[in-house]
Amino acid sequence: MIMRSLSPKPSVNSGLLWDLDVLARTVSVAGQAAYCWDIQSGQVEWSAGAPEVLGMTGKDIPCLAAEMQLRIAPDDLPARAIALSQLLEDGTAYVCEFKHRRSDGAFEWIDERGNVELDAEGKPARFYGLMRVVTQWKKHENDLERLAYFDALTGHLNRASLQEALDEVLTGCHETNKSAAYLLVNIDRLGMLNDAYGFDIADAVITDIGKRIEDYAGFEDIIGRAGGNQFGLVLTDTTDTDLRKIAEQILSSSRQHEVETDAGPLAVTLSLGGVLLPKDAVNSREAMGRSEEALSKAKQQGRDRFALFRNSTNRDIARRKSLATGDAVMRAMKDGRLTFAVQPIVDGVTGETHLYECLLRMLNENGDLVPAGLFIPVVEKLGLIRRLDKYTLELALNEMEEVKHVNLAVNISGMTATDPSTLDHLLSLVHMHSSVADRLIFEITETVAMMDFEETARFANKLRDLGCRIALDDFGAGYTSYRHLKSLAVDIVKIDGQFVKDLHENKENQLFVQTLLDLAEGFGAEVVGECVETEDEAQALRDRGVKYLQGYHFGAPTLERPWDAPALQMVPTA
């Protein structure tokens, strides 16, 4: 039987032909099945093609309402019964989703809609329904929902869900007076694996480490992916001793068992930072931040180890002040009160400006300048410096897009230079402004470069591939070896100011500067003398062949934009 319309049959004079067979075929082609249920007798009749649409044989298609009930997944029956009751009682539109069993035993998701026809006494006589298979859509919907809560690669909670779970555990700690812990697990030097073997191998390492952590987690413990190369483990009902034991088990696993990949077995080290809850953190933000502090301590001690966060009254006071400063910086960024001052780097002979170094500055809410020394170290400690680096880069790129002849140098922190995810974002920004890349210089301090040479070299090479240049700042402060300098392949080196001071009369500084110049010449880099404050210092640098000079003698950092000068020339490359 074909589904009947509740509307009056069109008049022949209207020119419309109501061919029910054609309608049935149309419904079937559209992937839908129509049926009529006689409420009094319980009989059900279906449109042509309905069995095929529903994945059923002709003999299995239900002919009675009771048989239809048997085809619907038991857990979906109550919701369907309620929807039908509301339709019959007050005319509420009937729309329902449920799982329907096919002839082969598998279930399809069905979207069902329908209406009821009343008899002469106003009682329900027949129900006309339309079923549509929506299994693929439900799968897509479920996939999207899963992505909202879970990490696609590992299947563990994503960072947002992990943070929510951490807050719930902390709430439970306060209510039950029990203790817990949060353990942050970092995969060391994952960026190097990406470069050496590709993302597939790096992903295999991430997945394997996630499974190992899961092996040591308890039934009620919670695992999430806290970052690109980090996992967070929430340990419930846990003591200090328990936390240390699990941390050592995870470390032992990485030390004793290599990760098996398609590229062969790979040795992977981990660094771990932990915090006790709620003793040392009252909310998820504190817990995650303090585990990062402990993790940084583990890295500073040589990696491949666990460090536990230790609280102190003085540190709490300092931390509150730091958090307040961090909040102030974030507000300044939002309000556009973060900008950069520029300081010229000039030709030592002609005095002509060749490029400007961008130095981040902040204005308070009254418009007064806040010294960089009061907020830069704080945002570095809070882990916000990567956001400031990206912000400064965006300002510089936009400036160069508007002013076609200006060359700018931006400083990059150690956290940015060694963080693969931040590097990808910076590369994306530069790629979007590729027309100005050859006028952009990234400055990395020598000390930072030597802290994690491999990651810094990777960072520098990626940027140089896009056409940017790399400057090594504070050259001489880190006593870098020639081999490292040549591998880093920098374009510019900036002699640290401590060796420039009183250069004209300090014999030790003169000898050291000459050694640095010989090193720079060996790998073909241009040289800039920093912190030049007097003409005597400037002349001493000129006499030794230093071509480019920077310091208060040639101009202090200024918030003004001196772009009205004649077209600037680029610092020559090797």
Protein backbone atom coordinates (compact mmCIF):
# COMPACT_ATOMS: atom_id res chain seq x y z
CA MET A 1 0.00 0.00 0.00
CA ILE A 2 1.30 3.48 -0.88
CA MET A 3 1.31 6.19 1.78
CA ARG A 4 -1.84 8.28 1.51
CA SER A 5 -1.90 12.06 1.65
CA LEU A 6 -3.91 13.73 4.38
CA SER A 7 -4.70 16.58 1.98
CA PRO A 8 -7.80 16.43 -0.22
CA LYS A 9 -7.32 14.64 -3.52
CA PRO A 10 -6.50 17.21 -6.23
CA SER A 11 -9.20 17.94 -8.69
CA VAL A 12 -8.76 16.54 -12.20
CA ASN A 13 -9.42 20.04 -13.47
CA SER A 14 -6.31 21.27 -11.66
CA GLY A 15 -4.16 19.51 -14.25
CA LEU A 16 -2.33 17.45 -11.57
CA LEU A 17 -2.14 13.66 -11.79
CA TRP A 18 -1.72 11.94 -8.41
CA ASP A 19 -0.07 8.72 -9.51
CA LEU A 20 0.66 6.74 -6.38
CA ASP A 21 2.93 4.25 -8.15
CA VAL A 22 5.12 7.07 -9.43
CA LEU A 23 5.18 8.58 -5.94
CA ALA A 24 6.25 5.24 -4.45
CA ARG A 25 9.11 4.91 -6.92
CA THR A 26 10.17 8.51 -6.24
CA VAL A 27 10.24 7.90 -2.48
CA SER A 28 12.27 4.73 -2.97
CA VAL A 29 14.80 6.41 -5.28
CA ALA A 30 15.22 9.12 -2.64
CA GLY A 31 16.26 6.43 -0.15
CA GLN A 32 13.03 6.53 1.82
CA ALA A 33 10.35 4.05 2.74
CA ALA A 34 6.72 5.04 3.31
CA TYR A 35 4.14 3.02 5.22
CA CYS A 36 0.60 3.14 6.51
CA TRP A 37 -0.30 1.69 9.92
CA ASP A 38 -3.94 0.89 10.56
CA ILE A 39 -4.16 1.62 14.24
CA GLN A 40 -7.31 -0.44 14.86
CA SER A 41 -6.14 -3.65 13.16
CA GLY A 42 -2.41 -3.15 13.71
CA GLN A 43 -1.71 -3.93 10.05
CA VAL A 44 1.13 -2.18 8.23
CA GLU A 45 1.47 -1.74 4.48
CA TRP A 46 4.61 -0.44 2.77
CA SER A 47 5.46 1.49 -0.37
CA ALA A 48 7.11 -0.33 -3.26
CA GLY A 49 10.89 -0.59 -2.75
CA ALA A 50 10.69 -0.22 1.03
CA PRO A 51 12.41 -3.57 1.79
CA GLU A 52 15.45 -2.61 -0.29
CA VAL A 53 15.69 0.82 1.35
CA LEU A 54 15.59 -0.72 4.85
CA GLY A 55 17.97 -3.58 4.02
CA MET A 56 15.29 -6.25 4.38
CA THR A 57 13.88 -9.10 2.35
CA GLY A 58 10.26 -9.04 1.27
CA LYS A 59 9.34 -11.77 3.75
CA ASP A 60 10.99 -9.93 6.67
CA ILE A 61 9.29 -6.59 6.18
CA PRO A 62 6.88 -6.30 9.15
CA CYS A 63 3.18 -6.51 8.36
CA LEU A 64 2.03 -5.75 11.92
CA ALA A 65 2.91 -2.90 14.27
CA ALA A 66 4.01 -5.45 16.87
CA GLU A 67 6.49 -6.89 14.38
CA MET A 68 7.86 -3.38 13.76
CA GLN A 69 8.49 -3.03 17.47
CA LEU A 70 10.65 -6.16 17.40
CA ARG A 71 12.86 -4.63 14.70
CA ILE A 72 13.65 -1.51 16.72
CA ALA A 73 16.59 -1.54 19.15
CA PRO A 74 15.19 -2.02 22.70
CA ASP A 75 17.01 1.04 24.08
CA ASP A 76 15.27 3.25 21.47
CA LEU A 77 11.72 1.96 22.06
CA PRO A 78 10.84 4.23 25.02
CA ALA A 79 11.73 7.44 23.16
CA ARG A 80 9.73 6.36 20.11
CA ALA A 81 6.73 5.42 22.28
CA ILE A 82 6.79 8.83 23.97
CA ALA A 83 6.98 10.65 20.62
CA LEU A 84 4.02 8.65 19.25
CA SER A 85 1.98 9.28 22.42
CA GLN A 86 2.55 13.03 22.19
CA LEU A 87 1.41 12.99 18.55
CA LEU A 88 -1.76 11.05 19.37
CA GLU A 89 -2.57 13.09 22.47
CA ASP A 90 -1.96 16.68 21.45
CA GLY A 91 -0.75 16.66 17.84
CA THR A 92 2.94 17.33 18.62
CA ALA A 93 4.93 16.90 15.41
CA TYR A 94 6.36 13.38 15.26
CA VAL A 95 10.07 13.15 14.54
CA CYS A 96 12.16 10.32 15.93
CA GLU A 97 15.53 8.64 15.41
CA PHE A 98 16.17 5.01 16.28
CA LYS A 99 18.18 1.95 15.31
CA HIS A 100 16.34 -0.55 13.09
CA ARG A 101 17.48 -4.14 12.54
CA ARG A 102 18.11 -5.29 8.97
CA SER A 103 17.55 -8.81 7.70
CA ASP A 104 21.28 -9.57 8.09
CA GLY A 105 21.13 -8.60 11.76
CA ALA A 106 22.97 -5.29 11.44
CA PHE A 107 21.35 -2.07 12.57
CA GLU A 108 20.67 1.05 10.52
CA TRP A 109 19.94 4.45 11.99
CA ILE A 110 16.46 5.59 10.89
CA ASP A 111 14.99 9.08 10.82
CA GLU A 112 11.20 8.66 11.03
CA ARG A 113 8.55 11.34 10.54
CA GLY A 114 4.83 11.00 10.28
CA ASN A 115 1.31 12.14 11.00
CA VAL A 116 -1.99 10.66 12.07
CA GLU A 117 -5.34 10.59 10.27
CA LEU A 118 -8.50 10.83 12.41
CA ASP A 119 -11.78 9.04 11.74
CA ALA A 120 -15.24 10.63 11.68
CA GLU A 121 -15.40 10.58 15.49
CA GLY A 122 -12.03 12.31 15.83
CA LYS A 123 -10.18 9.22 16.96
CA PRO A 124 -6.78 8.14 15.51
CA ALA A 125 -7.44 5.80 12.60
CA ARG A 126 -4.24 5.56 10.58
CA PHE A 127 -0.63 6.63 10.95
CA TYR A 128 1.35 7.58 7.86
CA GLY A 129 5.11 7.34 8.29
CA LEU A 130 8.19 8.04 6.26
CA MET A 131 11.51 6.35 7.14
CA ARG A 132 14.91 7.50 5.91
CA VAL A 133 18.21 5.68 6.54
CA VAL A 134 20.65 8.13 8.15
CA THR A 135 23.41 5.77 9.28
CA GLN A 136 26.17 7.63 7.44
CA TRP A 137 25.01 10.97 8.77
CA LYS A 138 24.86 9.61 12.33
CA LYS A 139 28.37 8.23 11.91
CA HIS A 140 29.57 11.64 10.74
CA GLU A 141 27.73 13.32 13.61
CA ASN A 142 29.29 10.91 16.12
CA ASP A 143 32.72 11.48 14.61
CA LEU A 144 32.31 15.24 15.01
CA GLU A 145 31.12 14.81 18.57
CA ARG A 146 34.06 12.56 19.31
CA LEU A 147 36.49 15.10 17.87
CA ALA A 148 35.03 17.68 20.24
CA TYR A 149 36.12 15.59 23.22
CA PHE A 150 38.86 13.22 22.07
CA ASP A 151 42.20 13.45 20.30
CA ALA A 152 41.90 12.01 16.80
CA LEU A 153 45.35 10.39 16.78
CA THR A 154 45.50 8.68 20.18
CA GLY A 155 41.83 8.33 21.13
CA HIS A 156 42.54 9.90 24.52
CA LEU A 157 40.83 13.04 25.78
CA ASN A 158 41.83 16.27 24.08
CA ARG A 159 43.26 19.13 26.12
CA ALA A 160 39.93 20.88 26.76
CA SER A 161 38.27 17.65 27.94
CA LEU A 162 41.33 16.79 30.03
CA GLN A 163 41.08 20.15 31.76
CA GLU A 164 37.39 19.59 32.48
CA ALA A 165 38.12 16.13 33.90
CA LEU A 166 40.89 17.60 36.05
CA ASP A 167 38.47 20.16 37.49
CA GLU A 168 35.97 17.40 38.28
CA VAL A 169 38.64 15.39 40.09
CA LEU A 170 39.66 18.46 42.09
CA THR A 171 36.02 19.06 43.05
CA GLY A 172 35.84 15.44 44.24
CA CYS A 173 39.02 15.93 46.27
CA HIS A 174 37.47 18.87 48.11
CA GLU A 175 34.24 16.96 48.76
CA THR A 176 35.80 13.68 49.91
CA ASN A 177 39.01 15.03 51.44
CA LYS A 178 41.03 12.65 49.24
CA SER A 179 44.22 13.46 47.36
CA ALA A 180 45.03 13.13 43.67
CA ALA A 181 47.85 14.10 41.32
CA TYR A 182 48.46 15.40 37.81
CA LEU A 183 51.41 14.06 35.82
CA LEU A 184 52.63 15.75 32.64
CA VAL A 185 54.58 13.46 30.29
CA ASN A 186 56.72 15.11 27.60
CA ILE A 187 58.19 13.25 24.61
CA ASP A 188 61.67 14.76 24.25
CA ARG A 189 62.82 16.17 20.90
CA LEU A 190 59.81 14.99 18.92
CA GLY A 191 60.55 17.64 16.29
CA MET A 192 63.79 15.89 15.42
CA LEU A 193 61.88 12.67 14.76
CA ASN A 194 59.50 14.60 12.52
CA ASP A 195 62.39 15.93 10.47
CA ALA A 196 64.37 12.70 10.35
CA TYR A 197 61.59 10.18 9.69
CA GLY A 198 58.41 12.08 8.82
CA PHE A 199 55.11 12.71 10.55
CA ASP A 200 53.88 9.11 10.25
CA ILE A 201 56.77 7.82 12.34
CA ALA A 202 56.42 10.66 14.85
CA ASP A 203 52.69 9.89 15.12
CA ALA A 204 53.55 6.24 15.75
CA VAL A 205 55.82 7.31 18.61
CA ILE A 206 53.08 9.50 20.11
CA THR A 207 50.56 6.65 19.90
CA ASP A 208 52.97 4.14 21.44
CA ILE A 209 53.84 6.41 24.37
CA GLY A 210 50.15 7.03 24.97
CA LYS A 211 49.54 3.28 25.19
CA ARG A 212 52.44 2.83 27.61
CA ILE A 213 51.05 5.52 29.90
CA GLU A 214 47.69 3.78 29.72
CA ASP A 215 49.33 0.53 30.87
CA TYR A 216 50.34 2.17 34.16
CA ALA A 217 47.10 4.08 34.72
CA GLY A 218 44.49 2.80 37.14
CA PHE A 219 40.88 2.06 36.24
CA GLU A 220 39.66 5.47 37.43
CA ASP A 221 42.69 7.45 36.22
CA ILE A 222 42.24 9.78 33.23
CA ILE A 223 44.58 10.21 30.25
CA GLY A 224 44.53 13.09 27.80
CA ARG A 225 46.74 14.63 25.15
CA ALA A 226 47.88 17.89 26.72
CA GLY A 227 49.85 19.09 23.69
CA GLY A 228 51.56 18.00 20.49
CA ASN A 229 54.23 16.02 22.33
CA GLN A 230 52.65 15.85 25.78
CA PHE A 231 50.21 13.67 27.68
CA GLY A 232 48.44 14.52 30.92
CA LEU A 233 47.62 11.78 33.43
CA VAL A 234 45.13 12.52 36.20
CA LEU A 235 45.74 10.09 39.06
CA THR A 236 42.82 9.71 41.45
CA ASP A 237 43.16 8.81 45.14
CA THR A 238 46.95 9.10 44.87
CA THR A 239 49.74 9.91 47.31
CA ASP A 240 53.18 11.40 46.78
CA THR A 241 54.65 7.88 46.85
CA ASP A 242 52.12 6.60 44.31
CA LEU A 243 52.89 9.48 41.95
CA ARG A 244 56.64 8.88 42.08
CA LYS A 245 56.15 5.14 41.55
CA ILE A 246 54.06 5.59 38.40
CA ALA A 247 56.44 8.26 37.07
CA GLU A 248 59.40 5.90 37.49
CA GLN A 249 57.49 3.04 35.83
CA ILE A 250 56.78 5.21 32.79
CA LEU A 251 60.41 6.36 32.63
CA SER A 252 61.66 2.80 33.01
CA SER A 253 59.46 1.67 30.13
CA SER A 254 60.95 4.29 27.79
CA ARG A 255 64.51 3.47 28.91
CA GLN A 256 64.20 -0.31 28.55
CA HIS A 257 61.98 -0.63 25.48
CA GLU A 258 62.46 1.17 22.19
CA VAL A 259 59.46 2.24 20.15
CA GLU A 260 58.82 -0.11 17.25
CA THR A 261 58.06 1.79 14.03
CA ASP A 262 58.10 1.20 10.29
CA ALA A 263 61.51 2.92 10.30
CA GLY A 264 62.81 0.42 12.84
CA PRO A 265 63.14 0.61 16.63
CA LEU A 266 63.65 4.14 17.95
CA ALA A 267 65.02 5.19 21.34
CA VAL A 268 62.76 7.80 22.91
CA THR A 269 63.30 9.66 26.18
CA LEU A 270 60.64 11.27 28.33
CA SER A 271 60.62 14.14 30.82
CA LEU A 272 57.91 14.25 33.50
CA GLY A 273 56.54 16.92 35.80
CA GLY A 274 54.00 16.27 38.55
CA VAL A 275 51.86 18.18 41.04
CA LEU A 276 49.91 16.92 44.06
CA LEU A 277 46.20 17.80 44.30
CA PRO A 278 44.62 19.69 45.91
CA LYS A 279 47.67 20.37 48.10
CA ASP A 280 49.57 22.35 45.45
CA ALA A 281 46.82 23.33 42.99
CA VAL A 282 43.17 24.19 43.56
CA ASN A 283 42.01 24.27 39.94
CA SER A 284 42.98 22.81 36.58
CA ARG A 285 44.74 25.96 35.44
CA GLU A 286 47.03 25.89 38.45
CA ALA A 287 47.58 22.14 38.13
CA MET A 288 48.58 22.37 34.47
CA GLY A 289 50.75 25.43 35.02
CA ARG A 290 52.59 23.95 37.98
CA SER A 291 53.15 20.65 36.23
CA GLU A 292 54.74 22.70 33.42
CA GLU A 293 57.02 24.31 36.01
CA ALA A 294 58.03 20.89 37.31
CA LEU A 295 58.55 19.64 33.75
CA SER A 296 60.82 22.59 32.98
CA LYS A 297 62.86 21.66 36.04
CA ALA A 298 63.17 18.07 34.78
CA LYS A 299 64.36 19.36 31.38
CA GLN A 300 66.88 21.70 32.97
CA GLN A 301 68.30 18.79 34.97
CA GLY A 302 69.04 16.90 31.76
CA ARG A 303 65.69 15.37 30.69
CA ASP A 304 64.82 11.67 31.02
CA ARG A 305 63.68 12.25 34.61
CA PHE A 306 60.76 13.21 36.86
CA ALA A 307 60.43 16.41 38.89
CA LEU A 308 57.73 17.17 41.48
CA PHE A 309 56.38 20.65 42.03
CA ARG A 310 57.28 22.04 45.46
CA ASN A 311 55.34 24.93 46.94
CA SER A 312 56.57 27.79 49.13
CA THR A 313 55.00 30.95 50.62
CA ASN A 314 57.44 33.31 48.90
CA ARG A 315 56.93 31.57 45.60
CA ASP A 316 53.15 31.83 46.01
CA ILE A 317 53.42 35.58 46.51
CA ALA A 318 55.73 35.88 43.51
CA ARG A 319 53.43 33.67 41.45
CA ARG A 320 50.38 35.80 42.23
CA LYS A 321 52.29 38.88 41.15
CA SER A 322 53.39 37.06 38.01
CA LEU A 323 49.85 35.98 37.18
CA ALA A 324 48.64 39.55 37.63
CA THR A 325 51.39 40.76 35.28
CA GLY A 326 50.52 38.03 32.79
CA ASP A 327 46.84 39.06 32.86
CA ALA A 328 47.86 42.69 32.34
CA VAL A 329 49.96 41.73 29.30
CA MET A 330 47.10 39.72 27.80
CA ARG A 331 44.72 42.67 28.29
CA ALA A 332 47.27 44.98 26.69
CA MET A 333 47.50 42.63 23.71
CA LYS A 334 43.71 42.58 23.38
CA ASP A 335 43.46 46.38 23.71
CA GLY A 336 46.26 47.05 21.23
CA ARG A 337 48.58 48.46 23.90
CA LEU A 338 51.36 46.05 22.96
CA THR A 339 53.56 47.44 20.24
CA PHE A 340 57.22 47.52 19.33
CA ALA A 341 59.90 50.14 19.52
CA VAL A 342 62.51 50.16 16.77
CA GLN A 343 66.26 50.69 17.05
CA PRO A 344 68.37 51.32 13.94
CA ILE A 345 71.27 49.15 12.82
CA VAL A 346 73.50 51.36 10.72
CA ASP A 347 76.44 51.20 8.35
CA GLY A 348 79.40 52.10 10.55
CA VAL A 349 81.03 54.20 7.83
CA THR A 350 78.13 56.03 6.16
CA GLY A 351 75.72 56.06 9.11
CA GLU A 352 72.95 54.91 6.77
CA THR A 353 70.25 52.77 8.42
CA HIS A 354 70.01 49.32 6.88
CA LEU A 355 67.45 47.68 9.16
CA TYR A 356 65.63 48.12 12.44
CA GLU A 357 65.36 45.73 15.38
CA CYS A 358 61.84 45.40 16.79
CA LEU A 359 61.71 45.50 20.60
CA LEU A 360 58.38 44.69 22.23
CA ARG A 361 56.94 47.40 24.49
CA MET A 362 53.75 47.72 26.55
CA LEU A 363 51.68 50.75 27.49
CA ASN A 364 49.64 50.59 30.69
CA GLU A 365 46.01 51.69 30.82
CA ASN A 366 47.13 55.28 31.44
CA GLY A 367 49.27 55.24 28.32
CA ASP A 368 52.57 55.13 30.20
CA LEU A 369 55.41 52.96 28.94
CA VAL A 370 56.09 49.79 30.97
CA PRO A 371 59.77 48.77 30.89
CA ALA A 372 60.27 45.48 29.07
CA GLY A 373 62.25 44.11 32.00
CA LEU A 374 59.12 44.23 34.16
CA PHE A 375 56.99 41.98 31.97
CA ILE A 376 59.10 40.00 29.44
CA PRO A 377 60.74 37.72 32.07
CA VAL A 378 57.32 37.14 33.64
CA VAL A 379 55.58 36.10 30.42
CA GLU A 380 58.51 33.80 29.65
CA LYS A 381 58.06 32.12 33.02
CA LEU A 382 54.29 31.82 32.53
CA GLY A 383 54.75 30.25 29.11
CA LEU A 384 53.03 33.18 27.34
CA ILE A 385 56.10 34.33 25.44
CA ARG A 386 55.19 32.23 22.41
CA ARG A 387 51.97 34.23 22.02
CA LEU A 388 53.96 37.47 22.26
CA ASP A 389 56.45 36.22 19.68
CA LYS A 390 53.62 35.48 17.26
CA TYR A 391 51.99 38.82 18.03
CA THR A 392 55.23 40.74 17.39
CA LEU A 393 55.81 38.85 14.16
CA GLU A 394 52.31 39.74 12.96
CA LEU A 395 52.96 43.42 13.72
CA ALA A 396 56.28 43.34 11.85
CA LEU A 397 54.85 41.54 8.82
CA ASN A 398 51.94 43.98 8.57
CA GLU A 399 54.39 46.89 8.87
CA MET A 400 56.54 45.56 6.04
CA GLU A 401 53.48 44.99 3.86
CA GLU A 402 52.59 48.67 4.24
CA VAL A 403 56.13 50.06 4.00
CA LYS A 404 57.81 48.41 1.05
CA HIS A 405 61.41 49.48 1.76
CA VAL A 406 61.76 48.71 5.48
CA ASN A 407 63.74 45.72 6.81
CA LEU A 408 62.88 44.49 10.29
CA ALA A 409 64.46 42.07 12.75
CA VAL A 410 62.27 40.33 15.34
CA ASN A 411 63.45 38.49 18.43
CA ILE A 412 62.43 34.88 19.01
CA SER A 413 62.42 33.31 22.46
CA GLY A 414 63.88 29.94 23.31
CA MET A 415 60.41 28.49 23.97
CA THR A 416 59.33 29.46 20.45
CA ALA A 417 62.55 28.32 18.76
CA THR A 418 62.25 24.82 20.23
CA ASP A 419 58.47 24.31 19.98
CA PRO A 420 57.35 22.49 16.79
CA SER A 421 53.71 23.63 16.94
CA THR A 422 54.66 27.30 17.36
CA LEU A 423 57.19 26.97 14.55
CA ASP A 424 54.46 25.69 12.23
CA HIS A 425 52.32 28.71 13.08
CA LEU A 426 55.18 31.14 12.43
CA LEU A 427 55.97 29.43 9.14
CA SER A 428 52.32 29.78 8.16
CA LEU A 429 52.39 33.50 8.97
CA VAL A 430 55.54 34.08 6.94
CA HIS A 431 54.16 32.04 4.05
CA MET A 432 51.05 34.27 4.02
CA HIS A 433 53.39 37.29 3.71
CA SER A 434 55.92 35.64 1.42
CA SER A 435 56.51 38.86 -0.54
CA VAL A 436 58.29 40.42 2.47
CA ALA A 437 60.18 37.34 3.68
CA ASP A 438 63.50 38.51 2.21
CA ARG A 439 63.27 41.68 4.31
CA LEU A 440 62.64 39.81 7.59
CA ILE A 441 65.35 38.75 10.04
CA PHE A 442 64.78 36.45 13.01
CA GLU A 443 67.10 37.01 15.97
CA ILE A 444 67.92 34.07 18.25
CA THR A 445 70.26 34.45 21.21
CA GLU A 446 73.37 32.30 21.23
CA THR A 447 72.54 30.97 24.70
CA VAL A 448 69.12 29.76 23.53
CA ALA A 449 70.61 28.20 20.42
CA MET A 450 73.01 26.12 22.47
CA MET A 451 70.36 24.98 24.99
CA ASP A 452 68.70 22.86 22.31
CA PHE A 453 70.89 23.12 19.25
CA GLU A 454 69.07 20.52 17.12
CA GLU A 455 65.65 22.14 17.51
CA THR A 456 67.06 25.63 16.96
CA ALA A 457 68.83 24.51 13.78
CA ARG A 458 65.60 22.96 12.54
CA PHE A 459 63.77 26.22 13.29
CA ALA A 460 66.40 28.32 11.49
CA ASN A 461 66.51 26.09 8.41
CA LYS A 462 62.72 26.14 7.97
CA LEU A 463 62.67 29.95 8.08
CA ARG A 464 65.64 30.30 5.75
CA ASP A 465 63.85 28.02 3.26
CA LEU A 466 61.10 30.66 3.11
CA GLY A 467 63.63 33.39 2.31
CA CYS A 468 64.12 34.88 5.80
CA ARG A 469 67.49 35.46 7.37
CA ILE A 470 68.75 34.38 10.79
CA ALA A 471 70.77 36.50 13.17
CA LEU A 472 72.61 35.08 16.17
CA ASP A 473 72.20 37.60 19.00
CA ASP A 474 74.61 38.09 21.95
CA PHE A 475 77.37 36.37 19.97
CA GLY A 476 80.18 35.39 22.34
CA ALA A 477 78.00 35.01 25.45
CA GLY A 478 77.54 31.30 24.85
CA TYR A 479 81.05 30.43 23.66
CA THR A 480 79.66 28.53 20.70
CA SER A 481 81.94 26.17 18.84
CA TYR A 482 82.80 26.75 15.20
CA ARG A 483 81.15 23.45 14.29
CA HIS A 484 77.86 24.54 15.82
CA LEU A 485 77.96 27.93 14.18
CA LYS A 486 78.60 26.46 10.75
CA SER A 487 75.79 23.90 11.21
CA LEU A 488 73.40 26.64 12.29
CA ALA A 489 74.22 28.55 9.09
CA VAL A 490 73.29 31.99 10.40
CA ASP A 491 73.44 35.04 8.13
CA ILE A 492 74.27 37.66 10.75
CA VAL A 493 76.04 37.56 14.11
CA LYS A 494 75.68 40.33 16.69
CA ILE A 495 78.68 40.72 19.02
CA ASP A 496 77.50 40.74 22.62
CA GLY A 497 77.61 44.18 24.26
CA GLN A 498 79.87 43.07 27.11
CA PHE A 499 82.75 42.78 24.62
CA VAL A 500 81.98 46.13 22.97
CA LYS A 501 82.12 48.15 26.19
CA ASP A 502 85.37 50.15 26.37
CA LEU A 503 86.68 48.14 23.40
CA HIS A 504 89.09 50.94 22.44
CA GLU A 505 91.06 50.49 25.70
CA ASN A 506 90.24 46.96 26.91
CA LYS A 507 92.89 44.58 25.54
CA GLU A 508 90.99 41.42 26.58
CA ASN A 509 87.85 42.57 24.78
CA GLN A 510 89.90 43.47 21.71
CA LEU A 511 91.38 39.98 21.57
CA PHE A 512 88.02 38.33 22.11
CA VAL A 513 86.26 40.46 19.46
CA GLN A 514 88.98 39.61 16.95
CA THR A 515 88.45 35.90 17.67
CA LEU A 516 84.70 36.30 17.16
CA LEU A 517 85.27 38.13 13.89
CA ASP A 518 87.54 35.35 12.65
CA LEU A 519 84.83 32.81 13.53
CA ALA A 520 82.14 34.81 11.72
CA GLU A 521 84.33 35.20 8.65
CA GLY A 522 84.90 31.43 8.67
CA PHE A 523 81.25 30.68 8.05
CA GLY A 524 80.48 33.76 5.94
CA ALA A 525 78.26 35.78 8.24
CA GLU A 526 77.87 39.56 8.40
CA VAL A 527 78.72 41.12 11.80
CA VAL A 528 76.87 43.70 13.89
CA GLY A 529 78.43 45.34 16.95
CA GLU A 530 75.77 45.78 19.67
CA CYS A 531 75.39 48.24 22.56
CA VAL A 532 77.64 50.90 21.04
CA GLU A 533 77.42 53.92 23.36
CA THR A 534 80.42 56.06 22.40
CA GLU A 535 82.23 57.14 19.27
CA ASP A 536 85.43 55.56 20.63
CA GLU A 537 83.69 52.15 20.80
CA ALA A 538 82.24 52.66 17.32
CA GLN A 539 85.64 53.50 15.87
CA ALA A 540 87.28 50.52 17.57
CA LEU A 541 84.73 48.26 15.86
CA ARG A 542 85.22 49.95 12.49
CA ASP A 543 88.99 49.52 12.80
CA ARG A 544 88.48 45.76 13.19
CA GLY A 545 86.24 45.46 10.16
CA VAL A 546 82.81 45.45 11.85
CA LYS A 547 80.57 47.05 9.26
CA TYR A 548 77.22 47.33 11.06
CA LEU A 549 76.69 49.03 14.40
CA GLN A 550 73.79 49.31 16.85
CA GLY A 551 73.41 51.16 20.13
CA TYR A 552 72.39 54.40 21.81
CA HIS A 553 75.23 56.20 20.05
CA PHE A 554 73.27 55.75 16.81
CA GLY A 555 69.76 55.89 18.18
CA ALA A 556 67.73 54.71 21.16
CA PRO A 557 64.68 52.45 20.70
CA THR A 558 61.69 54.60 19.79
CA LEU A 559 57.97 54.05 19.38
CA GLU A 560 58.03 56.46 16.45
CA ARG A 561 58.19 55.00 12.94
CA PRO A 562 61.11 56.66 11.10
CA TRP A 563 59.94 55.32 7.74
CA ASP A 564 60.18 58.70 6.03
CA ALA A 565 63.90 58.21 5.55
CA PRO A 566 65.25 57.38 2.05
CA ALA A 567 64.71 53.80 0.86
CA LEU A 568 66.47 51.37 3.15
CA GLN A 569 68.92 48.83 1.84
CA MET A 570 69.19 45.28 3.04
CA VAL A 571 72.08 43.93 5.05
CA PRO A 572 74.23 42.03 2.53
CA THR A 573 74.07 38.27 2.80
CA ALA A 574 77.03 35.95 2.49
